[in-house]
Structures are given as structure tokens and as C-alpha cells.
N, C-alpha and C. Protein backbone atom coordinates (compact mmCIF):
# COMPACT_ATOMS: atom_id res chain seq x y z
N ASN A 1 -0.55 -18.22 14.10
CA ASN A 1 0.13 -18.27 12.78
C ASN A 1 0.06 -16.93 12.21
N VAL A 2 1.06 -16.48 11.80
CA VAL A 2 1.09 -15.03 11.25
C VAL A 2 1.25 -15.38 9.71
N TRP A 3 0.31 -15.16 8.42
CA TRP A 3 0.95 -15.26 7.11
C TRP A 3 0.36 -13.85 6.48
N GLY A 4 0.42 -13.76 5.37
CA GLY A 4 0.06 -12.48 4.61
C GLY A 4 1.19 -11.89 4.27
N TRP A 5 1.82 -10.92 4.72
CA TRP A 5 3.02 -9.80 4.64
C TRP A 5 4.25 -10.16 5.68
N GLY A 6 3.61 -11.20 6.67
CA GLY A 6 4.56 -11.79 7.73
C GLY A 6 5.00 -12.61 7.15
N ILE A 7 4.61 -14.12 7.30
CA ILE A 7 6.03 -15.47 7.57
C ILE A 7 5.24 -16.03 6.04
N LEU A 8 6.47 -16.32 5.90
CA LEU A 8 6.36 -17.41 4.16
C LEU A 8 5.80 -18.36 4.47
N ASP A 9 4.27 -18.61 4.16
CA ASP A 9 3.79 -20.04 4.16
C ASP A 9 4.23 -20.82 2.79
N LEU A 10 5.13 -21.82 3.18
CA LEU A 10 5.90 -22.52 2.38
C LEU A 10 4.75 -23.86 2.04
N GLY A 11 4.05 -24.27 2.40
CA GLY A 11 2.49 -25.05 1.89
C GLY A 11 1.80 -24.31 0.81
N LYS A 12 1.54 -23.09 0.92
CA LYS A 12 0.85 -22.57 -0.26
C LYS A 12 1.86 -22.12 -1.26
N ALA A 13 3.11 -21.86 -1.11
CA ALA A 13 4.48 -21.00 -2.16
C ALA A 13 4.71 -22.43 -2.98
N MET A 14 4.36 -23.43 -2.59
CA MET A 14 4.70 -24.66 -3.44
C MET A 14 3.67 -24.63 -4.85
N PHE A 15 2.57 -24.25 -4.49
CA PHE A 15 1.41 -24.00 -5.56
C PHE A 15 1.34 -22.49 -6.24
N GLY A 16 2.79 -22.38 -6.19
CA GLY A 16 2.44 -20.71 -6.96
C GLY A 16 2.46 -19.83 -6.47
N PRO A 17 2.31 -18.42 -6.92
CA PRO A 17 2.32 -16.95 -6.71
C PRO A 17 1.03 -16.91 -5.92
N GLY A 18 0.66 -16.07 -4.89
CA GLY A 18 -0.79 -16.06 -4.30
C GLY A 18 -1.45 -14.69 -4.80
N GLN A 19 -0.28 -13.87 -5.16
CA GLN A 19 -0.75 -12.53 -5.89
C GLN A 19 0.56 -12.03 -6.91
N PHE A 20 0.38 -10.86 -7.49
CA PHE A 20 1.44 -10.29 -8.46
C PHE A 20 0.77 -8.48 -7.94
N LEU A 21 2.39 -7.92 -7.69
CA LEU A 21 1.94 -6.47 -7.36
C LEU A 21 1.98 -5.75 -8.61
N GLY A 22 2.37 -6.43 -9.94
CA GLY A 22 1.91 -5.82 -11.33
C GLY A 22 1.75 -6.58 -12.34
N ASN A 23 1.88 -6.15 -13.56
CA ASN A 23 2.20 -7.00 -14.64
C ASN A 23 3.72 -7.90 -14.41
N VAL A 24 3.01 -9.23 -14.98
CA VAL A 24 4.08 -10.08 -14.75
C VAL A 24 4.16 -10.79 -15.93
N LYS A 25 5.39 -11.52 -16.83
CA LYS A 25 5.78 -11.90 -17.58
C LYS A 25 6.35 -12.84 -17.18
N ILE A 26 6.13 -14.58 -17.20
CA ILE A 26 7.03 -15.30 -16.49
C ILE A 26 6.97 -16.76 -17.96
N ASN A 27 8.70 -17.31 -18.16
CA ASN A 27 8.71 -18.22 -18.94
C ASN A 27 9.48 -18.81 -18.72
N LEU A 28 9.22 -20.10 -17.88
CA LEU A 28 9.68 -20.93 -17.41
C LEU A 28 10.33 -22.32 -17.95
N ASN A 29 10.12 -21.90 -19.77
CA ASN A 29 10.41 -22.80 -20.58
C ASN A 29 9.97 -24.44 -20.20
N GLN A 30 9.15 -24.78 -19.40
CA GLN A 30 8.43 -26.33 -18.97
C GLN A 30 7.04 -25.70 -18.67
N ASN A 31 6.45 -27.16 -18.39
CA ASN A 31 4.86 -26.44 -18.19
C ASN A 31 5.04 -26.64 -16.55
N ASP A 32 4.01 -25.77 -16.12
CA ASP A 32 3.99 -25.36 -14.57
C ASP A 32 2.22 -25.46 -14.35
N VAL A 33 1.79 -25.87 -13.47
CA VAL A 33 0.64 -25.48 -12.50
C VAL A 33 0.71 -25.08 -11.45
N TRP A 34 -0.01 -24.08 -11.49
CA TRP A 34 -0.28 -23.02 -10.35
C TRP A 34 -1.68 -23.40 -9.99
N SER A 35 -2.18 -23.70 -8.46
CA SER A 35 -3.27 -23.76 -7.81
C SER A 35 -3.76 -22.29 -7.23
N ASN A 36 -2.81 -22.00 -6.54
CA ASN A 36 -3.21 -20.83 -5.96
C ASN A 36 -4.12 -19.78 -6.57
N ASP A 37 -5.01 -18.98 -5.75
CA ASP A 37 -6.14 -18.15 -6.09
C ASP A 37 -5.33 -16.83 -6.27
N ILE A 38 -4.82 -16.63 -7.06
CA ILE A 38 -4.19 -15.38 -7.67
C ILE A 38 -5.09 -13.97 -8.01
N SER A 39 -5.25 -13.02 -6.55
CA SER A 39 -5.98 -12.17 -7.19
C SER A 39 -5.48 -10.81 -6.93
N ASP A 40 -6.21 -9.59 -6.74
CA ASP A 40 -5.45 -8.32 -6.87
C ASP A 40 -6.55 -7.73 -5.27
N LYS A 41 -6.71 -8.71 -4.65
CA LYS A 41 -7.75 -7.83 -3.53
C LYS A 41 -6.95 -7.52 -2.47
N ALA A 42 -5.87 -7.71 -2.11
CA ALA A 42 -4.56 -6.86 -1.39
C ALA A 42 -4.57 -5.70 -1.73
N ILE A 43 -3.86 -5.87 -2.94
CA ILE A 43 -3.74 -4.06 -3.57
C ILE A 43 -4.88 -3.11 -3.59
N LYS A 44 -6.02 -3.74 -3.90
CA LYS A 44 -7.28 -2.91 -4.07
C LYS A 44 -7.66 -2.40 -2.52
N ALA A 45 -7.22 -3.43 -1.19
CA ALA A 45 -8.00 -2.91 -0.12
C ALA A 45 -6.56 -1.67 0.12
N ARG A 46 -5.19 -2.14 -0.48
CA ARG A 46 -3.95 -0.97 0.15
C ARG A 46 -4.68 0.09 -0.38
N GLN A 47 -4.91 0.23 -1.98
CA GLN A 47 -5.31 1.39 -2.62
C GLN A 47 -6.36 2.17 -1.60
N VAL A 48 -7.36 1.62 -0.83
CA VAL A 48 -8.15 2.08 -0.44
C VAL A 48 -7.57 2.56 0.95
N GLU A 49 -6.72 2.32 1.48
CA GLU A 49 -6.32 2.58 2.56
C GLU A 49 -5.48 3.51 2.82
N ASP A 50 -4.73 4.07 1.10
CA ASP A 50 -3.51 4.73 0.82
C ASP A 50 -4.78 6.10 0.68
N GLN A 51 -5.62 5.82 0.18
CA GLN A 51 -6.82 6.93 -0.36
C GLN A 51 -6.95 7.85 1.10
N ALA A 52 -7.62 6.99 1.76
CA ALA A 52 -8.08 7.29 3.00
C ALA A 52 -6.71 7.97 4.07
N GLU A 53 -5.77 7.59 3.80
CA GLU A 53 -4.43 8.31 4.47
C GLU A 53 -4.04 9.52 3.94
N ALA A 54 -4.10 9.69 2.60
CA ALA A 54 -4.08 10.93 1.94
C ALA A 54 -5.17 11.79 2.26
N VAL A 55 -6.29 11.48 2.63
CA VAL A 55 -7.18 12.59 2.79
C VAL A 55 -6.90 12.95 4.21
N THR A 56 -6.70 11.89 4.84
CA THR A 56 -6.61 12.41 6.65
C THR A 56 -4.95 13.40 6.76
N TRP A 57 -4.18 13.25 5.84
CA TRP A 57 -2.94 14.22 5.97
C TRP A 57 -3.44 15.60 5.29
N ALA A 58 -4.11 15.47 4.03
CA ALA A 58 -4.25 16.57 3.39
C ALA A 58 -5.26 17.67 4.45
N THR A 59 -6.13 16.69 5.39
CA THR A 59 -6.87 17.81 6.20
C THR A 59 -5.95 17.78 7.38
N ARG A 60 -4.99 17.08 7.94
CA ARG A 60 -4.31 17.54 8.81
C ARG A 60 -3.06 18.97 8.45
N LYS A 61 -2.61 18.97 7.43
CA LYS A 61 -2.19 20.02 6.96
C LYS A 61 -2.81 20.68 6.68
N ALA A 62 -4.02 20.94 6.11
CA ALA A 62 -5.17 22.35 6.33
C ALA A 62 -4.91 22.87 7.57
N GLU A 63 -5.15 22.02 8.58
CA GLU A 63 -5.23 22.32 10.10
C GLU A 63 -4.02 23.42 10.19
N LEU A 64 -2.91 22.44 10.30
CA LEU A 64 -1.80 23.16 10.62
C LEU A 64 -1.80 24.81 10.12
N GLN A 65 -1.50 24.37 8.65
CA GLN A 65 -1.56 25.56 7.44
C GLN A 65 -2.43 26.91 8.53
N ALA A 66 -3.42 26.45 8.68
CA ALA A 66 -4.35 27.43 9.59
C ALA A 66 -3.86 27.76 10.73
N LEU A 67 -3.34 26.85 11.67
CA LEU A 67 -2.69 27.29 12.79
C LEU A 67 -1.88 28.28 12.77
N MET A 68 -1.01 27.99 11.57
CA MET A 68 0.24 29.09 11.63
C MET A 68 0.08 30.05 10.65
N GLN A 69 -0.91 30.19 10.16
CA GLN A 69 -1.43 31.75 9.78
C GLN A 69 -2.00 32.59 10.74
N ASN A 70 -2.18 31.92 11.45
CA ASN A 70 -2.99 32.97 13.05
C ASN A 70 -1.97 32.86 14.16
N ARG A 71 -1.01 32.37 14.15
CA ARG A 71 0.09 32.13 15.01
C ARG A 71 0.89 33.78 14.82
N THR A 72 0.73 34.46 16.31
CA THR A 72 1.52 35.56 16.36
C THR A 72 2.95 35.78 16.31
N GLY A 73 4.03 36.44 15.51
CA GLY A 73 5.21 36.12 15.55
C GLY A 73 5.26 35.27 14.17
N ALA A 74 4.97 34.21 13.87
CA ALA A 74 5.45 33.69 12.73
C ALA A 74 5.77 33.86 11.58
N THR A 75 6.87 33.58 11.13
CA THR A 75 7.79 34.04 9.99
C THR A 75 6.79 34.04 8.65
N ALA A 76 7.41 34.11 7.62
CA ALA A 76 6.72 34.00 6.22
C ALA A 76 6.98 32.59 5.61
N GLU A 77 8.61 32.08 6.41
CA GLU A 77 8.63 30.40 6.05
C GLU A 77 8.06 29.81 6.39
N GLU A 78 7.56 30.25 7.81
CA GLU A 78 6.66 29.39 8.90
C GLU A 78 5.10 29.23 8.04
N LYS A 79 4.60 30.27 7.83
CA LYS A 79 3.36 30.05 6.92
C LYS A 79 3.22 29.51 6.05
N ALA A 80 4.46 29.35 5.27
CA ALA A 80 4.24 28.55 4.02
C ALA A 80 3.73 27.48 3.95
């Protein structure tokens, strides 16, 4: 079985949201009990992944810029 961002788990969905992706205000005009563990674990994990990817891309960009600066015949636009 694939869960998470894959297949909707209807069994868990019956008990309310599993996470919120931002500030949420909900007015149901009735009583409702949610028993799912609502957390921001996934959001925090994605932030760590995003930061690591940003560092990787910044490093790669610097490498490519250095290559272009040293490339014979590169135009000013290519070096930018």
C-alpha cells in the first residue's frame, strides 16, 4: 500500500485531517471530533530537503559559472 502523498487513506480521512499546509480556520457550525495526529512533521522534513536542494543547486551554479568563465570563446552573455 502507498500512503502519504500517494493514495488517499479513507480509513484515516474519516477521523479528520492528518496535517495542515498552513494556517487553517474551519467553521463547521456543528460539533466534530478529529482524532488523527495532526502535525507538521512532513512540512519540516520538506523544508530540510528544500534547503539541501538549494545548497546543491547553488554549488552547481557556481561550478557552471566557473566553467563558462574559463571557456575559450564564450560570449559575455554566456559568462553572465
